[in-house]
Amino acid sequence: MSSSALEISPEDLHRRLQAGDDIQLIDVREEMEFEYCHLPGSLLLPLDELPRRAAEIRTEGPVVVICHHGVRSAHALGYLRQRLGRTNVINLRGGVAAWAERVDPAFPTY
């Protein structure tokens, strides 16, 4: 599978959310980061809690995994796809930093 099928750009995610697509947003950053800024509707599921909380991530329908720059979410994606066989998960390319830069200039950055 191509890497592009494993990622979504901030712009594409924004378009899909605006269109009302049913997408589960999973934020794998730490609680302090999440409290500072997150995409509305995101579920906080810190990366180190992923193995024991994976059941909170739906198995049907698109799931977008989010972090600060896309690195931790890529790790989460690998775990969910390779260890748990989840094929419905994709990574937000560039994370919330790219979202702030390319979609919502008012979004807090750090």
Protein backbone atom coordinates (compact mmCIF):
# COMPACT_ATOMS: atom_id res chain seq x y z
CA MET A 1 0.00 0.00 0.00
CA SER A 2 1.31 3.45 -0.84
CA SER A 3 2.22 5.79 1.99
CA SER A 4 -0.26 8.34 0.62
CA ALA A 5 -3.10 5.96 1.52
CA LEU A 6 -1.81 6.02 5.10
CA GLU A 7 -1.89 9.82 5.42
CA ILE A 8 -4.33 12.68 5.02
CA SER A 9 -3.33 16.30 4.52
CA PRO A 10 -4.67 18.94 6.90
CA GLU A 11 -6.56 20.50 3.99
CA ASP A 12 -8.24 17.20 3.03
CA LEU A 13 -9.19 16.47 6.63
CA HIS A 14 -10.65 19.97 6.98
CA ARG A 15 -12.71 19.52 3.78
CA ARG A 16 -14.02 16.16 4.95
CA LEU A 17 -14.93 17.47 8.42
CA GLN A 18 -16.65 20.51 6.88
CA ALA A 19 -18.62 18.15 4.62
CA GLY A 20 -19.84 16.30 7.71
CA ASP A 21 -17.93 13.07 7.12
CA ASP A 22 -18.07 10.74 10.12
CA ILE A 23 -14.39 10.59 11.10
CA GLN A 24 -13.10 9.56 14.51
CA LEU A 25 -10.20 11.81 15.59
CA ILE A 26 -7.67 10.21 17.95
CA ASP A 27 -5.08 12.54 19.50
CA VAL A 28 -2.04 10.63 20.80
CA ARG A 29 -0.26 13.60 22.42
CA GLU A 30 0.09 14.08 26.16
CA GLU A 31 -2.74 15.57 28.24
CA MET A 32 -0.95 18.90 28.71
CA GLU A 33 -0.55 19.32 24.95
CA PHE A 34 -4.17 18.31 24.32
CA GLU A 35 -5.46 20.80 26.90
CA TYR A 36 -3.49 23.57 25.21
CA CYS A 37 -4.95 22.86 21.76
CA HIS A 38 -6.78 20.10 19.90
CA LEU A 39 -9.14 19.60 17.02
CA PRO A 40 -12.78 19.74 18.16
CA GLY A 41 -14.22 16.29 18.75
CA SER A 42 -10.83 14.62 19.24
CA LEU A 43 -10.44 11.80 21.74
CA LEU A 44 -7.29 12.09 23.86
CA LEU A 45 -5.52 8.73 23.85
CA PRO A 46 -1.84 9.30 24.72
CA LEU A 47 0.56 7.09 22.79
CA ASP A 48 1.75 5.21 25.88
CA GLU A 49 -1.87 4.28 26.71
CA LEU A 50 -2.64 3.00 23.21
CA PRO A 51 -2.09 -0.72 23.88
CA ARG A 52 -4.58 -0.85 26.76
CA ARG A 53 -7.09 1.62 25.30
CA ALA A 54 -7.14 0.50 21.65
CA ALA A 55 -10.73 -0.75 22.11
CA GLU A 56 -11.83 2.92 22.26
CA ILE A 57 -10.84 3.29 18.60
CA ARG A 58 -13.57 2.14 16.26
CA THR A 59 -12.89 -0.68 13.84
CA GLU A 60 -15.27 0.53 11.12
CA GLY A 61 -15.21 3.92 9.42
CA PRO A 62 -12.29 6.30 9.03
CA VAL A 63 -10.07 7.11 11.99
CA VAL A 64 -7.49 9.91 11.81
CA VAL A 65 -4.60 9.77 14.29
CA ILE A 66 -3.17 13.14 15.33
CA CYS A 67 -0.11 14.45 17.20
CA HIS A 68 2.09 17.57 17.17
CA HIS A 69 4.13 17.00 13.97
CA GLY A 70 2.96 13.58 12.77
CA VAL A 71 5.71 11.43 14.30
CA ARG A 72 3.93 9.96 17.34
CA SER A 73 0.76 9.48 15.30
CA ALA A 74 2.82 7.58 12.69
CA HIS A 75 4.04 5.27 15.48
CA ALA A 76 0.44 4.80 16.64
CA LEU A 77 -0.62 4.09 13.06
CA GLY A 78 2.07 1.42 12.73
CA TYR A 79 0.97 -0.24 15.96
CA LEU A 80 -2.72 -0.18 15.04
CA ARG A 81 -2.14 -1.49 11.51
CA GLN A 82 0.66 -4.00 12.08
CA ARG A 83 -0.11 -5.33 15.56
CA LEU A 84 -3.92 -5.03 15.58
CA GLY A 85 -4.69 -5.31 11.86
CA ARG A 86 -6.62 -2.04 11.73
CA THR A 87 -6.95 -0.90 8.12
CA ASN A 88 -9.25 2.07 8.77
CA VAL A 89 -6.62 4.33 10.41
CA ILE A 90 -4.71 7.15 8.73
CA ASN A 91 -2.19 9.71 9.95
CA LEU A 92 -2.70 13.49 9.89
CA ARG A 93 0.38 14.54 7.91
CA GLY A 94 2.28 17.22 9.83
CA GLY A 95 0.01 17.01 12.88
CA VAL A 96 -1.58 19.99 14.61
CA ALA A 97 1.41 22.14 13.63
CA ALA A 98 0.53 21.70 9.94
CA TRP A 99 -3.17 22.22 10.73
CA ALA A 100 -2.34 25.58 12.34
CA GLU A 101 -0.06 26.58 9.47
CA ARG A 102 -2.23 25.48 6.55
CA VAL A 103 -5.87 25.37 7.74
CA ASP A 104 -6.49 27.52 10.82
CA PRO A 105 -4.06 30.38 11.52
CA ALA A 106 -5.89 31.08 14.80
CA PHE A 107 -5.14 27.57 16.07
CA PRO A 108 -2.68 27.74 19.02
CA THR A 109 0.87 26.61 18.26
CA TYR A 110 3.71 25.53 20.51
